[in-house]
Amino acid sequence: MLVIKEFHFNPFSENTYVISDSETGECAIIDAGCYYADEQDILSGYIIDNNLKVKYLLATHLHLDHNFGDRHVYNTFNVGLTAHPDDAFLLDNMKEQASMFGIQLQDPPIPIDHNVHENDIFKIGKYSLRAIHVPGHSPGSIIYYCKEEKIAFGGDVLFRGSIGRTDLPGGNYNQLITGIREKLFILPEDTVIYSGHGPSTTIGFEKKQNPYLQ
């Protein structure tokens, strides 16, 4: 069974996910947004208490609210960051991003350890996640799609009834809308999208109800 654990972390109320194969204990952390020490303890405590083996630290994109906990994950589980190289510039100015929101970063962000590209496959036990590149919210935004379970982890690309912001550095509205229509709306309508903020949604609901995509 594929187990999905959702956490809500940091002042931006970001969604962090741990997905694991119940048979092998292998897991992936998607968007380690844990900022405060107690949040970091909650994340690592869940993994340790359930005897999980962290195989991947996957970033849907490299905005600061989705990556506060990357260094903690690396220090605790010795797993490097997997992200799209087109977002690497966001790591370089993360300290400046944080100061704009009155947030102090204790340490510089860890660099990308493994570059992810379109159609890369990540195996977690018997399950597979396929990378789908949908730029527009950020240049390197990635969806991690599990076909057999009909689920996808979409970061800030697509929300229930909304889409990701495109007014941030590297954002592009037309690119985002095109990517959603051409790459996500071809997925089965009952595919569940686990977003980077807020509740989950489905492809079918967004095709019918999302005002940005009619």
C-alpha atoms as a PDB file:
ATOM      1  CA  MET A   1       0.000   0.000   0.000  1.00  0.00           C
ATOM      2  CA  LEU A   2       1.158   3.526  -0.754  1.00  0.00           C
ATOM      3  CA  VAL A   3       0.851   5.631   2.390  1.00  0.00           C
ATOM      4  CA  ILE A   4       0.487   9.413   2.068  1.00  0.00           C
ATOM      5  CA  LYS A   5       1.180  11.570   5.119  1.00  0.00           C
ATOM      6  CA  GLU A   6       0.478  15.292   4.832  1.00  0.00           C
ATOM      7  CA  PHE A   7       1.953  18.002   7.065  1.00  0.00           C
ATOM      8  CA  HIS A   8       1.220  21.730   7.207  1.00  0.00           C
ATOM      9  CA  PHE A   9       4.340  23.718   7.938  1.00  0.00           C
ATOM     10  CA  ASN A  10       5.792  27.234   8.290  1.00  0.00           C
ATOM     11  CA  PRO A  11       4.146  30.688   8.204  1.00  0.00           C
ATOM     12  CA  PHE A  12       2.999  30.095   4.608  1.00  0.00           C
ATOM     13  CA  SER A  13       0.946  26.998   5.579  1.00  0.00           C
ATOM     14  CA  GLU A  14       2.793  24.872   3.050  1.00  0.00           C
ATOM     15  CA  ASN A  15       1.952  21.223   2.476  1.00  0.00           C
ATOM     16  CA  THR A  16       4.784  18.742   2.949  1.00  0.00           C
ATOM     17  CA  TYR A  17       4.192  15.112   1.995  1.00  0.00           C
ATOM     18  CA  VAL A  18       5.857  11.856   2.971  1.00  0.00           C
ATOM     19  CA  ILE A  19       4.853   9.015   0.677  1.00  0.00           C
ATOM     20  CA  SER A  20       5.920   5.507   1.549  1.00  0.00           C
ATOM     21  CA  ASP A  21       5.559   1.892   0.444  1.00  0.00           C
ATOM     22  CA  SER A  22       4.158   0.001   3.423  1.00  0.00           C
ATOM     23  CA  GLU A  23       5.908  -3.206   2.387  1.00  0.00           C
ATOM     24  CA  THR A  24       9.465  -1.973   1.940  1.00  0.00           C
ATOM     25  CA  GLY A  25       9.419   1.153   4.110  1.00  0.00           C
ATOM     26  CA  GLU A  26      10.989   3.198   1.345  1.00  0.00           C
ATOM     27  CA  CYS A  27       9.745   6.769   1.250  1.00  0.00           C
ATOM     28  CA  ALA A  28      10.120  10.126  -0.435  1.00  0.00           C
ATOM     29  CA  ILE A  29       9.745  13.521   1.179  1.00  0.00           C
ATOM     30  CA  ILE A  30       8.093  15.982  -1.180  1.00  0.00           C
ATOM     31  CA  ASP A  31       8.726  19.666  -0.387  1.00  0.00           C
ATOM     32  CA  ALA A  32      10.328  19.749   3.052  1.00  0.00           C
ATOM     33  CA  GLY A  33       8.807  22.998   4.279  1.00  0.00           C
ATOM     34  CA  CYS A  34       9.495  22.511   7.991  1.00  0.00           C
ATOM     35  CA  TYR A  35      10.906  25.809   9.278  1.00  0.00           C
ATOM     36  CA  TYR A  36      10.617  25.726  13.069  1.00  0.00           C
ATOM     37  CA  ALA A  37      12.512  23.229  15.205  1.00  0.00           C
ATOM     38  CA  ASP A  38       9.321  21.555  16.390  1.00  0.00           C
ATOM     39  CA  GLU A  39       8.194  21.129  12.777  1.00  0.00           C
ATOM     40  CA  GLN A  40      11.502  19.527  11.908  1.00  0.00           C
ATOM     41  CA  ASP A  41      11.072  17.164  14.869  1.00  0.00           C
ATOM     42  CA  ILE A  42       7.560  16.272  13.718  1.00  0.00           C
ATOM     43  CA  LEU A  43       8.778  15.377  10.227  1.00  0.00           C
ATOM     44  CA  SER A  44      11.814  13.362  11.271  1.00  0.00           C
ATOM     45  CA  GLY A  45       9.884  11.808  14.162  1.00  0.00           C
ATOM     46  CA  TYR A  46       7.227  10.455  11.810  1.00  0.00           C
ATOM     47  CA  ILE A  47       9.886   8.897   9.600  1.00  0.00           C
ATOM     48  CA  ILE A  48      11.840   7.379  12.477  1.00  0.00           C
ATOM     49  CA  ASP A  49       8.781   6.156  14.387  1.00  0.00           C
ATOM     50  CA  ASN A  50       7.506   4.354  11.292  1.00  0.00           C
ATOM     51  CA  ASN A  51      10.910   2.858  10.441  1.00  0.00           C
ATOM     52  CA  LEU A  52      10.938   4.503   7.025  1.00  0.00           C
ATOM     53  CA  LYS A  53      13.966   4.770   4.774  1.00  0.00           C
ATOM     54  CA  VAL A  54      14.205   8.124   3.013  1.00  0.00           C
ATOM     55  CA  LYS A  55      15.148   7.439  -0.580  1.00  0.00           C
ATOM     56  CA  TYR A  56      14.448  10.869  -2.086  1.00  0.00           C
ATOM     57  CA  LEU A  57      14.008  14.492  -1.097  1.00  0.00           C
ATOM     58  CA  LEU A  58      11.936  15.780  -4.009  1.00  0.00           C
ATOM     59  CA  ALA A  59      11.199  19.453  -4.605  1.00  0.00           C
ATOM     60  CA  THR A  60       8.265  20.445  -6.772  1.00  0.00           C
ATOM     61  CA  HIS A  61       9.993  23.823  -7.080  1.00  0.00           C
ATOM     62  CA  LEU A  62      12.508  25.895  -5.162  1.00  0.00           C
ATOM     63  CA  HIS A  63      10.528  28.733  -3.601  1.00  0.00           C
ATOM     64  CA  LEU A  64      11.635  29.178  -0.019  1.00  0.00           C
ATOM     65  CA  ASP A  65       8.420  28.018   1.688  1.00  0.00           C
ATOM     66  CA  HIS A  66       8.772  24.568   0.133  1.00  0.00           C
ATOM     67  CA  ASN A  67      12.427  24.148   1.063  1.00  0.00           C
ATOM     68  CA  PHE A  68      13.004  25.460   4.588  1.00  0.00           C
ATOM     69  CA  GLY A  69      13.639  21.920   5.829  1.00  0.00           C
ATOM     70  CA  ASP A  70      15.986  20.661   3.123  1.00  0.00           C
ATOM     71  CA  ARG A  71      19.101  21.020   5.257  1.00  0.00           C
ATOM     72  CA  HIS A  72      17.438  19.278   8.203  1.00  0.00           C
ATOM     73  CA  VAL A  73      16.511  16.335   5.973  1.00  0.00           C
ATOM     74  CA  TYR A  74      20.035  16.183   4.574  1.00  0.00           C
ATOM     75  CA  ASN A  75      21.650  16.345   8.017  1.00  0.00           C
ATOM     76  CA  THR A  76      19.270  13.785   9.517  1.00  0.00           C
ATOM     77  CA  PHE A  77      18.896  11.260   6.711  1.00  0.00           C
ATOM     78  CA  ASN A  78      21.867  12.014   4.424  1.00  0.00           C
ATOM     79  CA  VAL A  79      19.634  12.484   1.387  1.00  0.00           C
ATOM     80  CA  GLY A  80      20.369  15.267  -1.092  1.00  0.00           C
ATOM     81  CA  LEU A  81      17.948  17.552  -2.884  1.00  0.00           C
ATOM     82  CA  THR A  82      16.324  16.556  -6.170  1.00  0.00           C
ATOM     83  CA  ALA A  83      14.970  19.491  -8.198  1.00  0.00           C
ATOM     84  CA  HIS A  84      14.818  20.932 -11.700  1.00  0.00           C
ATOM     85  CA  PRO A  85      17.942  22.931 -12.642  1.00  0.00           C
ATOM     86  CA  ASP A  86      15.876  25.820 -14.050  1.00  0.00           C
ATOM     87  CA  ASP A  87      14.957  26.711 -10.464  1.00  0.00           C
ATOM     88  CA  ALA A  88      18.538  26.739  -9.168  1.00  0.00           C
ATOM     89  CA  PHE A  89      18.679  30.552  -9.274  1.00  0.00           C
ATOM     90  CA  LEU A  90      16.035  30.635  -6.528  1.00  0.00           C
ATOM     91  CA  LEU A  91      18.474  29.009  -4.122  1.00  0.00           C
ATOM     92  CA  ASP A  92      20.994  31.756  -4.791  1.00  0.00           C
ATOM     93  CA  ASN A  93      18.626  34.499  -3.623  1.00  0.00           C
ATOM     94  CA  MET A  94      16.692  32.598  -0.979  1.00  0.00           C
ATOM     95  CA  LYS A  95      18.109  34.718   1.826  1.00  0.00           C
ATOM     96  CA  GLU A  96      16.811  37.842   0.102  1.00  0.00           C
ATOM     97  CA  GLN A  97      13.436  36.167  -0.477  1.00  0.00           C
ATOM     98  CA  ALA A  98      13.203  35.358   3.214  1.00  0.00           C
ATOM     99  CA  SER A  99      14.118  38.874   4.362  1.00  0.00           C
ATOM    100  CA  MET A 100      11.255  40.280   2.278  1.00  0.00           C
ATOM    101  CA  PHE A 101       8.888  38.333   4.544  1.00  0.00           C
ATOM    102  CA  GLY A 102      10.749  39.133   7.753  1.00  0.00           C
ATOM    103  CA  ILE A 103      12.129  35.596   7.977  1.00  0.00           C
ATOM    104  CA  GLN A 104      15.693  34.764   8.897  1.00  0.00           C
ATOM    105  CA  LEU A 105      17.447  31.740   7.421  1.00  0.00           C
ATOM    106  CA  GLN A 106      19.796  30.162   9.929  1.00  0.00           C
ATOM    107  CA  ASP A 107      21.863  28.486   7.223  1.00  0.00           C
ATOM    108  CA  PRO A 108      22.233  28.846   3.459  1.00  0.00           C
ATOM    109  CA  PRO A 109      20.107  26.426   1.428  1.00  0.00           C
ATOM    110  CA  ILE A 110      21.630  23.167   0.286  1.00  0.00           C
ATOM    111  CA  PRO A 111      22.376  22.943  -3.443  1.00  0.00           C
ATOM    112  CA  ILE A 112      20.645  20.620  -5.886  1.00  0.00           C
ATOM    113  CA  ASP A 113      22.212  17.191  -5.611  1.00  0.00           C
ATOM    114  CA  HIS A 114      20.283  15.563  -8.465  1.00  0.00           C
ATOM    115  CA  ASN A 115      18.738  17.333 -11.449  1.00  0.00           C
ATOM    116  CA  VAL A 116      15.261  16.123 -12.419  1.00  0.00           C
ATOM    117  CA  HIS A 117      13.927  16.355 -15.970  1.00  0.00           C
ATOM    118  CA  GLU A 118      10.765  15.484 -17.872  1.00  0.00           C
ATOM    119  CA  ASN A 119       9.773  11.806 -17.576  1.00  0.00           C
ATOM    120  CA  ASP A 120      12.405  10.904 -14.996  1.00  0.00           C
ATOM    121  CA  ILE A 121      11.187   7.986 -12.851  1.00  0.00           C
ATOM    122  CA  PHE A 122      11.563   7.682  -9.079  1.00  0.00           C
ATOM    123  CA  LYS A 123      10.893   4.254  -7.560  1.00  0.00           C
ATOM    124  CA  ILE A 124       9.515   3.938  -4.033  1.00  0.00           C
ATOM    125  CA  GLY A 125       9.161   0.260  -3.328  1.00  0.00           C
ATOM    126  CA  LYS A 126       6.839  -1.080  -6.018  1.00  0.00           C
ATOM    127  CA  TYR A 127       5.499   2.389  -6.891  1.00  0.00           C
ATOM    128  CA  SER A 128       6.800   4.815  -9.502  1.00  0.00           C
ATOM    129  CA  LEU A 129       6.662   8.594  -9.680  1.00  0.00           C
ATOM    130  CA  ARG A 130       7.079  10.197 -13.102  1.00  0.00           C
ATOM    131  CA  ALA A 131       8.298  13.778 -13.378  1.00  0.00           C
ATOM    132  CA  ILE A 132       6.170  16.153 -15.457  1.00  0.00           C
ATOM    133  CA  HIS A 133       7.712  19.571 -16.101  1.00  0.00           C
ATOM    134  CA  VAL A 134       5.077  22.336 -15.965  1.00  0.00           C
ATOM    135  CA  PRO A 135       6.821  25.733 -15.804  1.00  0.00           C
ATOM    136  CA  GLY A 136       5.019  29.002 -15.272  1.00  0.00           C
ATOM    137  CA  HIS A 137       4.771  29.383 -11.505  1.00  0.00           C
ATOM    138  CA  SER A 138       8.520  28.903 -11.518  1.00  0.00           C
ATOM    139  CA  PRO A 139      10.714  27.850 -14.445  1.00  0.00           C
ATOM    140  CA  GLY A 140      11.478  24.475 -12.912  1.00  0.00           C
ATOM    141  CA  SER A 141       8.136  23.430 -11.467  1.00  0.00           C
ATOM    142  CA  ILE A 142       7.707  19.643 -11.447  1.00  0.00           C
ATOM    143  CA  ILE A 143       4.654  17.429 -10.949  1.00  0.00           C
ATOM    144  CA  TYR A 144       5.356  13.971  -9.505  1.00  0.00           C
ATOM    145  CA  TYR A 145       2.751  11.588 -10.945  1.00  0.00           C
ATOM    146  CA  CYS A 146       1.977   8.043  -9.792  1.00  0.00           C
ATOM    147  CA  LYS A 147      -0.035   6.444 -12.583  1.00  0.00           C
ATOM    148  CA  GLU A 148      -0.975   3.247 -10.768  1.00  0.00           C
ATOM    149  CA  GLU A 149      -2.459   5.157  -7.819  1.00  0.00           C
ATOM    150  CA  LYS A 150      -3.899   8.015  -9.931  1.00  0.00           C
ATOM    151  CA  ILE A 151      -2.302  10.689  -7.765  1.00  0.00           C
ATOM    152  CA  ALA A 152       0.049  13.584  -8.422  1.00  0.00           C
ATOM    153  CA  PHE A 153       1.969  15.994  -6.223  1.00  0.00           C
ATOM    154  CA  GLY A 154       1.708  19.347  -7.916  1.00  0.00           C
ATOM    155  CA  GLY A 155       3.384  21.959  -5.742  1.00  0.00           C
ATOM    156  CA  ASP A 156       2.055  25.395  -6.674  1.00  0.00           C
ATOM    157  CA  VAL A 157       1.116  24.629 -10.276  1.00  0.00           C
ATOM    158  CA  LEU A 158      -2.563  23.851  -9.695  1.00  0.00           C
ATOM    159  CA  PHE A 159      -4.855  24.459  -6.734  1.00  0.00           C
ATOM    160  CA  ARG A 160      -8.494  23.685  -6.116  1.00  0.00           C
ATOM    161  CA  GLY A 161     -10.205  26.360  -8.172  1.00  0.00           C
ATOM    162  CA  SER A 162      -7.010  28.301  -8.795  1.00  0.00           C
ATOM    163  CA  ILE A 163      -3.484  28.235 -10.202  1.00  0.00           C
ATOM    164  CA  GLY A 164      -0.059  29.229  -8.961  1.00  0.00           C
ATOM    165  CA  ARG A 165       1.105  32.829  -8.949  1.00  0.00           C
ATOM    166  CA  THR A 166       2.942  33.928 -12.065  1.00  0.00           C
ATOM    167  CA  ASP A 167       4.139  37.357 -10.878  1.00  0.00           C
ATOM    168  CA  LEU A 168       7.220  35.991  -9.117  1.00  0.00           C
ATOM    169  CA  PRO A 169      10.699  35.856 -10.740  1.00  0.00           C
ATOM    170  CA  GLY A 170      10.638  33.445 -13.667  1.00  0.00           C
ATOM    171  CA  GLY A 171       6.838  33.206 -13.688  1.00  0.00           C
ATOM    172  CA  ASN A 172       4.865  33.100 -16.946  1.00  0.00           C
ATOM    173  CA  TYR A 173       1.067  33.002 -17.024  1.00  0.00           C
ATOM    174  CA  ASN A 174       0.634  31.742 -20.594  1.00  0.00           C
ATOM    175  CA  GLN A 175       3.258  29.055 -20.070  1.00  0.00           C
ATOM    176  CA  LEU A 176       1.512  27.846 -16.908  1.00  0.00           C
ATOM    177  CA  ILE A 177      -1.953  27.688 -18.477  1.00  0.00           C
ATOM    178  CA  THR A 178      -0.611  25.887 -21.542  1.00  0.00           C
ATOM    179  CA  GLY A 179       1.305  23.392 -19.437  1.00  0.00           C
ATOM    180  CA  ILE A 180      -1.706  22.554 -17.283  1.00  0.00           C
ATOM    181  CA  ARG A 181      -3.938  22.038 -20.309  1.00  0.00           C
ATOM    182  CA  GLU A 182      -1.437  20.045 -22.363  1.00  0.00           C
ATOM    183  CA  LYS A 183       0.257  17.979 -19.645  1.00  0.00           C
ATOM    184  CA  LEU A 184      -2.133  17.666 -16.694  1.00  0.00           C
ATOM    185  CA  PHE A 185      -5.551  17.731 -18.304  1.00  0.00           C
ATOM    186  CA  ILE A 186      -4.616  14.654 -20.331  1.00  0.00           C
ATOM    187  CA  LEU A 187      -4.407  12.625 -17.100  1.00  0.00           C
ATOM    188  CA  PRO A 188      -7.441  10.566 -16.000  1.00  0.00           C
ATOM    189  CA  GLU A 189     -10.159  12.811 -14.589  1.00  0.00           C
ATOM    190  CA  ASP A 190     -10.163  10.972 -11.253  1.00  0.00           C
ATOM    191  CA  THR A 191      -6.467  11.710 -10.709  1.00  0.00           C
ATOM    192  CA  VAL A 192      -6.065  13.388  -7.323  1.00  0.00           C
ATOM    193  CA  ILE A 193      -3.782  16.420  -7.227  1.00  0.00           C
ATOM    194  CA  TYR A 194      -2.079  17.028  -3.873  1.00  0.00           C
ATOM    195  CA  SER A 195      -1.247  20.716  -3.945  1.00  0.00           C
ATOM    196  CA  GLY A 196       1.468  22.700  -2.220  1.00  0.00           C
ATOM    197  CA  HIS A 197      -1.110  24.710  -0.240  1.00  0.00           C
ATOM    198  CA  GLY A 198      -4.721  24.062   0.638  1.00  0.00           C
ATOM    199  CA  PRO A 199      -6.886  21.012  -0.082  1.00  0.00           C
ATOM    200  CA  SER A 200      -6.399  18.381  -2.744  1.00  0.00           C
ATOM    201  CA  THR A 201      -8.434  18.410  -5.942  1.00  0.00           C
ATOM    202  CA  THR A 202      -8.971  16.276  -9.039  1.00  0.00           C
ATOM    203  CA  ILE A 203      -8.257  16.761 -12.704  1.00  0.00           C
ATOM    204  CA  GLY A 204     -11.956  16.362 -13.497  1.00  0.00           C
ATOM    205  CA  PHE A 205     -13.007  19.053 -11.026  1.00  0.00           C
ATOM    206  CA  GLU A 206     -10.465  21.547 -12.352  1.00  0.00           C
ATOM    207  CA  LYS A 207     -11.422  20.916 -15.969  1.00  0.00           C
ATOM    208  CA  LYS A 208     -15.023  21.774 -15.160  1.00  0.00           C
ATOM    209  CA  GLN A 209     -14.732  24.340 -12.377  1.00  0.00           C
ATOM    210  CA  ASN A 210     -11.397  26.174 -12.448  1.00  0.00           C
ATOM    211  CA  PRO A 211     -12.129  29.709 -13.681  1.00  0.00           C
ATOM    212  CA  TYR A 212      -8.573  30.176 -14.985  1.00  0.00           C
ATOM    213  CA  LEU A 213      -8.857  27.156 -17.278  1.00  0.00           C
ATOM    214  CA  GLN A 214     -12.249  27.481 -18.939  1.00  0.00           C
END
